[in-house]
C-alpha atoms as a PDB file:
ATOM      1  CA  MET A   1       0.000   0.000   0.000  1.00  0.00           C
ATOM      2  CA  ASN A   2       1.517   3.304  -1.029  1.00  0.00           C
ATOM      3  CA  LEU A   3       1.941   6.334   1.233  1.00  0.00           C
ATOM      4  CA  GLN A   4      -0.867   8.334  -0.414  1.00  0.00           C
ATOM      5  CA  LYS A   5      -3.445   5.621   0.336  1.00  0.00           C
ATOM      6  CA  ILE A   6      -2.265   5.340   3.935  1.00  0.00           C
ATOM      7  CA  GLN A   7      -2.652   9.105   4.408  1.00  0.00           C
ATOM      8  CA  PHE A   8      -6.164   9.028   2.896  1.00  0.00           C
ATOM      9  CA  ILE A   9      -7.301   6.223   5.220  1.00  0.00           C
ATOM     10  CA  PHE A  10      -5.781   7.951   8.237  1.00  0.00           C
ATOM     11  CA  LEU A  11      -7.587  11.182   7.348  1.00  0.00           C
ATOM     12  CA  TRP A  12     -10.991   9.440   7.229  1.00  0.00           C
ATOM     13  CA  ILE A  13     -10.353   7.679  10.543  1.00  0.00           C
ATOM     14  CA  LEU A  14      -9.611  11.075  12.088  1.00  0.00           C
ATOM     15  CA  VAL A  15     -12.799  12.632  10.640  1.00  0.00           C
ATOM     16  CA  ILE A  16     -14.960   9.748  11.937  1.00  0.00           C
ATOM     17  CA  ALA A  17     -13.366   9.981  15.381  1.00  0.00           C
ATOM     18  CA  LEU A  18     -13.995  13.731  15.587  1.00  0.00           C
ATOM     19  CA  LEU A  19     -17.629  13.328  14.506  1.00  0.00           C
ATOM     20  CA  GLY A  20     -18.170  10.609  17.089  1.00  0.00           C
ATOM     21  CA  GLU A  21     -16.753  12.813  19.840  1.00  0.00           C
ATOM     22  CA  ARG A  22     -18.946  15.721  18.720  1.00  0.00           C
ATOM     23  CA  LEU A  23     -22.129  13.614  18.743  1.00  0.00           C
ATOM     24  CA  TYR A  24     -21.254  12.230  22.154  1.00  0.00           C
ATOM     25  CA  SER A  25     -20.768  15.735  23.556  1.00  0.00           C
ATOM     26  CA  LEU A  26     -24.232  16.758  22.343  1.00  0.00           C
ATOM     27  CA  MET A  27     -25.968  13.994  24.284  1.00  0.00           C
ATOM     28  CA  PRO A  28     -27.782  15.245  27.425  1.00  0.00           C
ATOM     29  CA  GLN A  29     -26.081  14.493  30.718  1.00  0.00           C
ATOM     30  CA  ASN A  30     -27.435  12.607  33.681  1.00  0.00           C
ATOM     31  CA  GLU A  31     -27.892  14.380  37.008  1.00  0.00           C
ATOM     32  CA  ASN A  32     -24.294  13.762  38.086  1.00  0.00           C
ATOM     33  CA  GLY A  33     -23.079  15.492  34.938  1.00  0.00           C
ATOM     34  CA  THR A  34     -20.723  12.675  33.904  1.00  0.00           C
ATOM     35  CA  ASP A  35     -22.505   9.542  32.741  1.00  0.00           C
ATOM     36  CA  LYS A  36     -24.088  10.122  29.312  1.00  0.00           C
ATOM     37  CA  ALA A  37     -24.686   6.510  28.376  1.00  0.00           C
ATOM     38  CA  ASN A  38     -28.173   5.187  27.599  1.00  0.00           C
ATOM     39  CA  VAL A  39     -29.698   8.681  27.343  1.00  0.00           C
ATOM     40  CA  SER A  40     -32.069   9.319  24.430  1.00  0.00           C
ATOM     41  CA  ILE A  41     -31.751  12.472  22.343  1.00  0.00           C
ATOM     42  CA  PRO A  42     -35.038  14.440  22.143  1.00  0.00           C
ATOM     43  CA  LEU A  43     -36.730  15.120  18.798  1.00  0.00           C
ATOM     44  CA  PHE A  44     -35.487  18.712  18.917  1.00  0.00           C
ATOM     45  CA  SER A  45     -32.313  19.542  20.860  1.00  0.00           C
ATOM     46  CA  LYS A  46     -33.545  22.885  22.234  1.00  0.00           C
ATOM     47  CA  ASN A  47     -37.313  22.524  22.423  1.00  0.00           C
ATOM     48  CA  ASN A  48     -39.303  19.351  22.634  1.00  0.00           C
ATOM     49  CA  TYR A  49     -42.515  20.059  20.703  1.00  0.00           C
ATOM     50  CA  ARG A  50     -44.249  16.834  21.613  1.00  0.00           C
ATOM     51  CA  PHE A  51     -47.935  17.145  22.522  1.00  0.00           C
ATOM     52  CA  GLU A  52     -50.460  14.568  23.620  1.00  0.00           C
ATOM     53  CA  ARG A  53     -53.057  13.280  21.186  1.00  0.00           C
ATOM     54  CA  ILE A  54     -56.452  14.663  22.014  1.00  0.00           C
ATOM     55  CA  LYS A  55     -59.066  12.358  23.489  1.00  0.00           C
ATOM     56  CA  GLU A  56     -62.219  14.092  22.230  1.00  0.00           C
ATOM     57  CA  ALA A  57     -63.268  16.606  19.598  1.00  0.00           C
ATOM     58  CA  ASP A  58     -66.412  17.939  17.983  1.00  0.00           C
ATOM     59  CA  PHE A  59     -67.524  20.125  15.111  1.00  0.00           C
ATOM     60  CA  CYS A  60     -70.539  22.340  15.808  1.00  0.00           C
ATOM     61  CA  GLY A  61     -71.380  20.097  18.752  1.00  0.00           C
ATOM     62  CA  GLU A  62     -71.305  16.952  16.593  1.00  0.00           C
ATOM     63  CA  LYS A  63     -68.968  14.408  18.185  1.00  0.00           C
ATOM     64  CA  THR A  64     -65.907  13.274  16.281  1.00  0.00           C
ATOM     65  CA  PRO A  65     -65.645   9.445  16.600  1.00  0.00           C
ATOM     66  CA  LEU A  66     -62.057   9.307  17.851  1.00  0.00           C
ATOM     67  CA  GLU A  67     -62.644   5.783  19.126  1.00  0.00           C
ATOM     68  CA  ASP A  68     -62.231   4.828  15.454  1.00  0.00           C
ATOM     69  CA  SER A  69     -58.448   4.473  15.041  1.00  0.00           C
ATOM     70  CA  GLU A  70     -58.527   5.716  11.438  1.00  0.00           C
ATOM     71  CA  VAL A  71     -60.381   8.879  12.480  1.00  0.00           C
ATOM     72  CA  ALA A  72     -57.959   9.455  15.360  1.00  0.00           C
ATOM     73  CA  GLU A  73     -54.926   9.029  13.093  1.00  0.00           C
ATOM     74  CA  LYS A  74     -56.302  11.379  10.427  1.00  0.00           C
ATOM     75  CA  LEU A  75     -56.941  14.100  12.979  1.00  0.00           C
ATOM     76  CA  ASP A  76     -53.521  13.554  14.563  1.00  0.00           C
ATOM     77  CA  ARG A  77     -51.911  13.929  11.137  1.00  0.00           C
ATOM     78  CA  GLU A  78     -53.523  17.330  10.576  1.00  0.00           C
ATOM     79  CA  LEU A  79     -52.637  18.455  14.093  1.00  0.00           C
ATOM     80  CA  VAL A  80     -48.995  17.533  13.596  1.00  0.00           C
ATOM     81  CA  MET A  81     -48.796  19.135  10.144  1.00  0.00           C
ATOM     82  CA  ASN A  82     -50.316  22.429  11.270  1.00  0.00           C
ATOM     83  CA  ALA A  83     -48.595  22.576  14.659  1.00  0.00           C
ATOM     84  CA  TYR A  84     -45.176  22.077  13.046  1.00  0.00           C
ATOM     85  CA  TRP A  85     -45.940  24.422  10.124  1.00  0.00           C
ATOM     86  CA  GLN A  86     -45.266  27.209  12.597  1.00  0.00           C
ATOM     87  CA  SER A  87     -44.950  30.159  10.224  1.00  0.00           C
ATOM     88  CA  ASN A  88     -48.292  29.588   8.501  1.00  0.00           C
ATOM     89  CA  THR A  89     -50.224  28.761  11.666  1.00  0.00           C
ATOM     90  CA  ALA A  90     -48.702  31.688  13.566  1.00  0.00           C
ATOM     91  CA  LEU A  91     -49.810  34.089  10.839  1.00  0.00           C
ATOM     92  CA  VAL A  92     -53.306  32.587  10.812  1.00  0.00           C
ATOM     93  CA  ILE A  93     -53.578  33.169  14.561  1.00  0.00           C
ATOM     94  CA  LYS A  94     -52.355  36.751  14.123  1.00  0.00           C
ATOM     95  CA  ARG A  95     -54.880  37.470  11.335  1.00  0.00           C
ATOM     96  CA  SER A  96     -57.709  35.954  13.355  1.00  0.00           C
ATOM     97  CA  GLY A  97     -57.291  38.801  15.836  1.00  0.00           C
ATOM     98  CA  LYS A  98     -58.241  41.208  13.079  1.00  0.00           C
ATOM     99  CA  TRP A  99     -61.138  39.304  11.521  1.00  0.00           C
ATOM    100  CA  PHE A 100     -62.786  36.860  13.923  1.00  0.00           C
ATOM    101  CA  GLY A 101     -64.421  39.681  15.862  1.00  0.00           C
ATOM    102  CA  GLN A 102     -66.039  40.921  12.654  1.00  0.00           C
ATOM    103  CA  ILE A 103     -67.058  37.540  11.258  1.00  0.00           C
ATOM    104  CA  GLU A 104     -68.407  35.908  14.429  1.00  0.00           C
ATOM    105  CA  PRO A 105     -71.396  38.308  14.764  1.00  0.00           C
ATOM    106  CA  ILE A 106     -72.420  37.561  11.160  1.00  0.00           C
ATOM    107  CA  LEU A 107     -72.361  33.806  11.750  1.00  0.00           C
ATOM    108  CA  LYS A 108     -74.413  34.270  14.922  1.00  0.00           C
ATOM    109  CA  ALA A 109     -76.952  36.559  13.281  1.00  0.00           C
ATOM    110  CA  GLU A 110     -77.370  34.112  10.390  1.00  0.00           C
ATOM    111  CA  GLY A 111     -77.821  31.107  12.690  1.00  0.00           C
ATOM    112  CA  VAL A 112     -74.633  29.394  11.518  1.00  0.00           C
ATOM    113  CA  PRO A 113     -72.429  27.690  14.162  1.00  0.00           C
ATOM    114  CA  ASP A 114     -69.334  29.596  15.201  1.00  0.00           C
ATOM    115  CA  ASP A 115     -67.058  26.673  14.261  1.00  0.00           C
ATOM    116  CA  PHE A 116     -67.452  27.580  10.590  1.00  0.00           C
ATOM    117  CA  LYS A 117     -64.937  30.388  11.035  1.00  0.00           C
ATOM    118  CA  TYR A 118     -62.335  27.599  11.084  1.00  0.00           C
ATOM    119  CA  LEU A 119     -63.607  26.430   7.690  1.00  0.00           C
ATOM    120  CA  MET A 120     -62.773  29.921   6.448  1.00  0.00           C
ATOM    121  CA  VAL A 121     -59.311  29.548   7.996  1.00  0.00           C
ATOM    122  CA  ILE A 122     -58.450  26.402   6.046  1.00  0.00           C
ATOM    123  CA  GLU A 123     -59.983  27.785   2.863  1.00  0.00           C
ATOM    124  CA  SER A 124     -57.910  30.957   2.697  1.00  0.00           C
ATOM    125  CA  ALA A 125     -55.668  31.293   5.784  1.00  0.00           C
ATOM    126  CA  VAL A 126     -57.739  34.446   6.468  1.00  0.00           C
ATOM    127  CA  MET A 127     -56.497  36.175   3.317  1.00  0.00           C
ATOM    128  CA  ASN A 128     -58.070  37.435   0.119  1.00  0.00           C
ATOM    129  CA  ASP A 129     -56.342  34.699  -1.813  1.00  0.00           C
ATOM    130  CA  VAL A 130     -57.057  33.337  -5.303  1.00  0.00           C
ATOM    131  CA  SER A 131     -56.701  29.613  -6.011  1.00  0.00           C
ATOM    132  CA  PRO A 132     -55.333  28.186  -9.284  1.00  0.00           C
ATOM    133  CA  ALA A 133     -58.940  27.284 -10.172  1.00  0.00           C
ATOM    134  CA  GLY A 134     -60.104  30.874  -9.624  1.00  0.00           C
ATOM    135  CA  ALA A 135     -61.755  30.485  -6.200  1.00  0.00           C
ATOM    136  CA  THR A 136     -61.429  33.867  -4.529  1.00  0.00           C
ATOM    137  CA  GLY A 137     -61.560  35.588  -1.171  1.00  0.00           C
ATOM    138  CA  PHE A 138     -61.797  34.511   2.458  1.00  0.00           C
ATOM    139  CA  TRP A 139     -64.436  31.905   1.602  1.00  0.00           C
ATOM    140  CA  GLN A 140     -62.960  30.894  -1.777  1.00  0.00           C
ATOM    141  CA  PHE A 141     -66.043  31.357  -3.929  1.00  0.00           C
ATOM    142  CA  MET A 142     -66.033  30.505  -7.609  1.00  0.00           C
ATOM    143  CA  GLU A 143     -67.626  33.258  -9.682  1.00  0.00           C
ATOM    144  CA  LYS A 144     -70.812  31.370 -10.573  1.00  0.00           C
ATOM    145  CA  THR A 145     -71.450  30.224  -7.007  1.00  0.00           C
ATOM    146  CA  ALA A 146     -70.748  33.710  -5.659  1.00  0.00           C
ATOM    147  CA  GLN A 147     -73.365  35.229  -7.945  1.00  0.00           C
ATOM    148  CA  GLU A 148     -75.815  32.459  -7.097  1.00  0.00           C
ATOM    149  CA  TYR A 149     -75.565  33.438  -3.430  1.00  0.00           C
ATOM    150  CA  GLY A 150     -75.946  37.170  -3.935  1.00  0.00           C
ATOM    151  CA  LEU A 151     -72.442  38.525  -4.500  1.00  0.00           C
ATOM    152  CA  GLU A 152     -71.753  41.018  -7.261  1.00  0.00           C
ATOM    153  CA  VAL A 153     -68.915  39.992  -9.558  1.00  0.00           C
ATOM    154  CA  ASN A 154     -67.964  42.069 -12.584  1.00  0.00           C
ATOM    155  CA  GLU A 155     -64.968  43.975 -13.957  1.00  0.00           C
ATOM    156  CA  GLU A 156     -65.373  46.831 -11.461  1.00  0.00           C
ATOM    157  CA  VAL A 157     -66.733  45.116  -8.370  1.00  0.00           C
ATOM    158  CA  ASP A 158     -65.950  41.681  -6.961  1.00  0.00           C
ATOM    159  CA  GLU A 159     -67.589  41.162  -3.595  1.00  0.00           C
ATOM    160  CA  ARG A 160     -65.760  37.895  -3.079  1.00  0.00           C
ATOM    161  CA  TYR A 161     -62.936  40.181  -1.895  1.00  0.00           C
ATOM    162  CA  ASN A 162     -65.243  41.757   0.700  1.00  0.00           C
ATOM    163  CA  PRO A 163     -64.760  39.597   3.835  1.00  0.00           C
ATOM    164  CA  LEU A 164     -68.054  40.590   5.444  1.00  0.00           C
ATOM    165  CA  ARG A 165     -70.263  40.388   2.362  1.00  0.00           C
ATOM    166  CA  SER A 166     -68.706  37.071   1.384  1.00  0.00           C
ATOM    167  CA  THR A 167     -69.329  35.765   4.920  1.00  0.00           C
ATOM    168  CA  GLN A 168     -73.027  36.526   4.457  1.00  0.00           C
ATOM    169  CA  ALA A 169     -72.990  34.648   1.144  1.00  0.00           C
ATOM    170  CA  ALA A 170     -71.187  31.704   2.765  1.00  0.00           C
ATOM    171  CA  CYS A 171     -73.864  31.597   5.460  1.00  0.00           C
ATOM    172  CA  ALA A 172     -76.536  31.399   2.773  1.00  0.00           C
ATOM    173  CA  TYR A 173     -74.734  28.429   1.208  1.00  0.00           C
ATOM    174  CA  LEU A 174     -74.224  26.680   4.550  1.00  0.00           C
ATOM    175  CA  LYS A 175     -77.864  27.040   5.554  1.00  0.00           C
ATOM    176  CA  THR A 176     -79.001  25.706   2.179  1.00  0.00           C
ATOM    177  CA  ALA A 177     -76.689  22.714   2.624  1.00  0.00           C
ATOM    178  CA  TYR A 178     -77.955  22.097   6.150  1.00  0.00           C
ATOM    179  CA  GLY A 179     -81.473  21.931   4.730  1.00  0.00           C
ATOM    180  CA  LYS A 180     -80.286  18.983   2.633  1.00  0.00           C
ATOM    181  CA  PHE A 181     -78.019  17.151   5.094  1.00  0.00           C
ATOM    182  CA  ALA A 182     -79.323  18.130   8.574  1.00  0.00           C
ATOM    183  CA  ASN A 183     -75.737  17.606   9.766  1.00  0.00           C
ATOM    184  CA  TRP A 184     -73.115  20.348  10.049  1.00  0.00           C
ATOM    185  CA  THR A 185     -70.148  18.014   9.503  1.00  0.00           C
ATOM    186  CA  ASN A 186     -71.599  16.942   6.156  1.00  0.00           C
ATOM    187  CA  VAL A 187     -72.329  20.595   5.369  1.00  0.00           C
ATOM    188  CA  ALA A 188     -68.632  21.363   5.844  1.00  0.00           C
ATOM    189  CA  ALA A 189     -67.628  18.470   3.571  1.00  0.00           C
ATOM    190  CA  SER A 190     -70.098  19.660   0.944  1.00  0.00           C
ATOM    191  CA  TYR A 191     -68.429  23.085   0.950  1.00  0.00           C
ATOM    192  CA  ASN A 192     -65.374  21.361  -0.461  1.00  0.00           C
ATOM    193  CA  MET A 193     -66.885  18.880  -2.925  1.00  0.00           C
ATOM    194  CA  GLY A 194     -70.318  20.369  -3.550  1.00  0.00           C
ATOM    195  CA  MET A 195     -73.722  19.328  -2.281  1.00  0.00           C
ATOM    196  CA  ALA A 196     -74.502  17.195  -5.317  1.00  0.00           C
ATOM    197  CA  GLY A 197     -71.156  15.410  -5.094  1.00  0.00           C
ATOM    198  CA  LEU A 198     -71.545  14.512  -1.424  1.00  0.00           C
ATOM    199  CA  MET A 199     -75.145  13.379  -1.897  1.00  0.00           C
ATOM    200  CA  ARG A 200     -74.053  11.145  -4.777  1.00  0.00           C
ATOM    201  CA  GLU A 201     -71.392   9.482  -2.612  1.00  0.00           C
ATOM    202  CA  GLN A 202     -73.885   8.969   0.211  1.00  0.00           C
ATOM    203  CA  ARG A 203     -76.310   7.343  -2.192  1.00  0.00           C
ATOM    204  CA  GLU A 204     -73.741   5.106  -3.891  1.00  0.00           C
ATOM    205  CA  GLN A 205     -72.006   4.024  -0.664  1.00  0.00           C
ATOM    206  CA  GLN A 206     -75.250   3.766   1.325  1.00  0.00           C
ATOM    207  CA  LYS A 207     -73.775   5.681   4.231  1.00  0.00           C
ATOM    208  CA  LEU A 208     -74.678   9.150   5.535  1.00  0.00           C
ATOM    209  CA  SER A 209     -71.853  10.070   7.917  1.00  0.00           C
ATOM    210  CA  TYR A 210     -68.797  11.877   6.583  1.00  0.00           C
ATOM    211  CA  TYR A 211     -66.635   9.582   8.723  1.00  0.00           C
ATOM    212  CA  ASP A 212     -68.049   6.476   6.978  1.00  0.00           C
ATOM    213  CA  LEU A 213     -67.565   7.681   3.410  1.00  0.00           C
ATOM    214  CA  TYR A 214     -64.685   6.966   1.041  1.00  0.00           C
ATOM    215  CA  LEU A 215     -64.076  10.374  -0.573  1.00  0.00           C
ATOM    216  CA  ASN A 216     -61.504  12.057  -2.760  1.00  0.00           C
ATOM    217  CA  ARG A 217     -58.205  12.897  -1.082  1.00  0.00           C
ATOM    218  CA  GLU A 218     -58.935  16.596  -0.523  1.00  0.00           C
ATOM    219  CA  THR A 219     -62.410  16.112   0.950  1.00  0.00           C
ATOM    220  CA  SER A 220     -61.298  13.147   3.031  1.00  0.00           C
ATOM    221  CA  ARG A 221     -58.855  15.512   4.808  1.00  0.00           C
ATOM    222  CA  TYR A 222     -61.107  18.564   4.810  1.00  0.00           C
ATOM    223  CA  VAL A 223     -63.052  18.225   8.072  1.00  0.00           C
ATOM    224  CA  TYR A 224     -59.949  16.972   9.905  1.00  0.00           C
ATOM    225  CA  ARG A 225     -58.098  20.119   8.842  1.00  0.00           C
ATOM    226  CA  ILE A 226     -60.946  22.224  10.252  1.00  0.00           C
ATOM    227  CA  LEU A 227     -60.868  20.272  13.511  1.00  0.00           C
ATOM    228  CA  ALA A 228     -57.089  20.617  13.759  1.00  0.00           C
ATOM    229  CA  LEU A 229     -57.106  24.394  13.300  1.00  0.00           C
ATOM    230  CA  LYS A 230     -59.962  24.697  15.781  1.00  0.00           C
ATOM    231  CA  GLU A 231     -57.997  22.710  18.372  1.00  0.00           C
ATOM    232  CA  ILE A 232     -54.766  24.656  17.832  1.00  0.00           C
ATOM    233  CA  MET A 233     -56.389  28.094  17.750  1.00  0.00           C
ATOM    234  CA  GLN A 234     -58.441  27.397  20.863  1.00  0.00           C
ATOM    235  CA  ASN A 235     -55.395  26.011  22.722  1.00  0.00           C
ATOM    236  CA  PRO A 236     -52.417  27.824  21.157  1.00  0.00           C
ATOM    237  CA  LYS A 237     -50.031  27.478  24.115  1.00  0.00           C
ATOM    238  CA  LYS A 238     -50.513  23.719  24.153  1.00  0.00           C
ATOM    239  CA  TYR A 239     -49.071  23.704  20.637  1.00  0.00           C
ATOM    240  CA  HIS A 240     -46.289  26.186  21.488  1.00  0.00           C
ATOM    241  CA  PHE A 241     -47.868  29.309  19.989  1.00  0.00           C
ATOM    242  CA  ASP A 242     -47.369  31.573  22.989  1.00  0.00           C
ATOM    243  CA  MET A 243     -48.864  34.807  21.670  1.00  0.00           C
ATOM    244  CA  GLN A 244     -49.992  37.791  23.669  1.00  0.00           C
ATOM    245  CA  ASP A 245     -52.895  40.040  22.746  1.00  0.00           C
ATOM    246  CA  GLU A 246     -50.513  42.654  21.387  1.00  0.00           C
ATOM    247  CA  ASP A 247     -49.119  40.073  18.950  1.00  0.00           C
ATOM    248  CA  LEU A 248     -52.462  39.783  17.125  1.00  0.00           C
ATOM    249  CA  TYR A 249     -53.365  42.043  14.231  1.00  0.00           C
ATOM    250  CA  LYS A 250     -56.083  44.583  14.992  1.00  0.00           C
ATOM    251  CA  PRO A 251     -59.001  45.869  12.876  1.00  0.00           C
ATOM    252  CA  GLU A 252     -58.525  49.262  11.253  1.00  0.00           C
ATOM    253  CA  ASN A 253     -60.387  52.231  12.704  1.00  0.00           C
ATOM    254  CA  THR A 254     -62.705  53.098   9.818  1.00  0.00           C
ATOM    255  CA  ARG A 255     -65.780  55.052   8.810  1.00  0.00           C
ATOM    256  CA  LYS A 256     -68.322  54.237   6.078  1.00  0.00           C
ATOM    257  CA  VAL A 257     -69.171  56.444   3.140  1.00  0.00           C
ATOM    258  CA  VAL A 258     -72.329  55.564   1.216  1.00  0.00           C
ATOM    259  CA  VAL A 259     -71.884  56.101  -2.514  1.00  0.00           C
ATOM    260  CA  THR A 260     -75.032  56.606  -4.590  1.00  0.00           C
ATOM    261  CA  ALA A 261     -73.466  58.112  -7.741  1.00  0.00           C
ATOM    262  CA  SER A 262     -70.805  56.808 -10.087  1.00  0.00           C
ATOM    263  CA  ILE A 263     -67.200  57.697  -9.356  1.00  0.00           C
ATOM    264  CA  LYS A 264     -65.125  58.215 -12.480  1.00  0.00           C
ATOM    265  CA  ASP A 265     -61.755  58.371 -10.738  1.00  0.00           C
ATOM    266  CA  LEU A 266     -61.203  56.612  -7.428  1.00  0.00           C
ATOM    267  CA  VAL A 267     -57.731  58.157  -7.103  1.00  0.00           C
ATOM    268  CA  SER A 268     -59.249  61.648  -7.019  1.00  0.00           C
ATOM    269  CA  PHE A 269     -62.036  60.397  -4.744  1.00  0.00           C
ATOM    270  CA  ALA A 270     -59.508  59.056  -2.240  1.00  0.00           C
ATOM    271  CA  LEU A 271     -57.540  62.304  -2.200  1.00  0.00           C
ATOM    272  CA  GLU A 272     -60.739  64.310  -1.717  1.00  0.00           C
ATOM    273  CA  GLN A 273     -61.552  62.101   1.269  1.00  0.00           C
ATOM    274  CA  GLY A 274     -58.168  62.876   2.836  1.00  0.00           C
ATOM    275  CA  THR A 275     -56.546  59.520   2.155  1.00  0.00           C
ATOM    276  CA  THR A 276     -54.596  57.708  -0.576  1.00  0.00           C
ATOM    277  CA  TYR A 277     -55.620  55.353  -3.346  1.00  0.00           C
ATOM    278  CA  LYS A 278     -53.442  52.701  -1.699  1.00  0.00           C
ATOM    279  CA  THR A 279     -55.389  52.989   1.572  1.00  0.00           C
ATOM    280  CA  LEU A 280     -58.694  53.006  -0.303  1.00  0.00           C
ATOM    281  CA  LYS A 281     -57.786  49.775  -2.100  1.00  0.00           C
ATOM    282  CA  THR A 282     -56.432  48.171   1.074  1.00  0.00           C
ATOM    283  CA  LEU A 283     -59.670  48.829   2.966  1.00  0.00           C
ATOM    284  CA  ASN A 284     -61.882  48.000  -0.045  1.00  0.00           C
ATOM    285  CA  PRO A 285     -60.191  45.214  -2.046  1.00  0.00           C
ATOM    286  CA  TRP A 286     -63.519  44.483  -3.754  1.00  0.00           C
ATOM    287  CA  LEU A 287     -62.971  47.630  -5.884  1.00  0.00           C
ATOM    288  CA  ARG A 288     -61.228  46.145  -8.921  1.00  0.00           C
ATOM    289  CA  LYS A 289     -60.862  49.179 -11.215  1.00  0.00           C
ATOM    290  CA  GLN A 290     -60.100  52.866 -10.818  1.00  0.00           C
ATOM    291  CA  GLN A 291     -63.758  53.737 -11.305  1.00  0.00           C
ATOM    292  CA  LEU A 292     -67.050  52.680  -9.734  1.00  0.00           C
ATOM    293  CA  THR A 293     -70.237  52.714 -11.798  1.00  0.00           C
ATOM    294  CA  ILE A 294     -73.758  52.761 -10.432  1.00  0.00           C
ATOM    295  CA  ARG A 295     -75.538  50.387 -12.802  1.00  0.00           C
ATOM    296  CA  LYS A 296     -79.039  50.128 -11.340  1.00  0.00           C
ATOM    297  CA  PRO A 297     -81.629  52.545  -9.931  1.00  0.00           C
ATOM    298  CA  ASN A 298     -81.266  53.006  -6.157  1.00  0.00           C
ATOM    299  CA  GLN A 299     -78.000  51.050  -6.160  1.00  0.00           C
ATOM    300  CA  GLN A 300     -75.436  52.090  -3.577  1.00  0.00           C
ATOM    301  CA  TYR A 301     -72.108  50.964  -2.172  1.00  0.00           C
ATOM    302  CA  GLU A 302     -70.498  51.306   1.250  1.00  0.00           C
ATOM    303  CA  ILE A 303     -66.853  52.329   1.052  1.00  0.00           C
ATOM    304  CA  LEU A 304     -64.568  52.139   4.078  1.00  0.00           C
ATOM    305  CA  LEU A 305     -62.210  55.032   4.805  1.00  0.00           C
ATOM    306  CA  PRO A 306     -59.867  55.764   7.683  1.00  0.00           C
ATOM    307  CA  LYS A 307     -61.787  57.258  10.589  1.00  0.00           C
ATOM    308  CA  ASN A 308     -59.055  59.744  11.446  1.00  0.00           C
END
């Protein structure tokens, strides 16, 4: 064996020895500070994010059958995924401080259970997002469905971007679905796959409960995702989201201006109102062009502006 090969082998032995010493030094010590043998290394060296699997859950008061091992595992999967996706879940919790207080009264007034705000969370992460398929807004309405449930959608106005108006439309959908299913869990599933689609699966599989149906991958996870976000957002510290009230985003202090005549230039309108076009668009994302046209007799719009 030549000298070069001997040096190469010696170098690798040295590297392996150094790595072994380093790994040994990272192992937690026993109480006496010397014996490190037979000590397990935690999942995370600095913070152990383990949490206990929950024993019971419900959606709108309807019990989740966690005694079924498949149901328990599916819920645990969504809890783990969302608890460890810290950046996304932290932002959702922050945004909820701004919007839950505005959306909850609408759900209550419409007779829709409060748990449906968590459906909105998994649909859009509490953002005016647009999906690849074109579903838009907090409640991810497609254009046709939005118009069917009373939202205006055209080149100048798209009320899917109005969180409060779209919440009212979502309530109309949910109540219609409840009239068909008489079960809020199935109503939630139908929001993902459509009423007709869920009814077809119930008929073909001869089962009514969401938990007994074999559904497409997205819908089969859908209710579990709602349940997971509900659990985490109701018990954030349990899942290591230790946020104070000041960490949550707050609603803007606004006033309403009722518009009964067309506005040819929203930039000029904003300046006349003592604000900027940027602020106008931020507070009213449903305004899609730089003008607003009154198209029908007695039609009017409510525009939000900064109060001060």
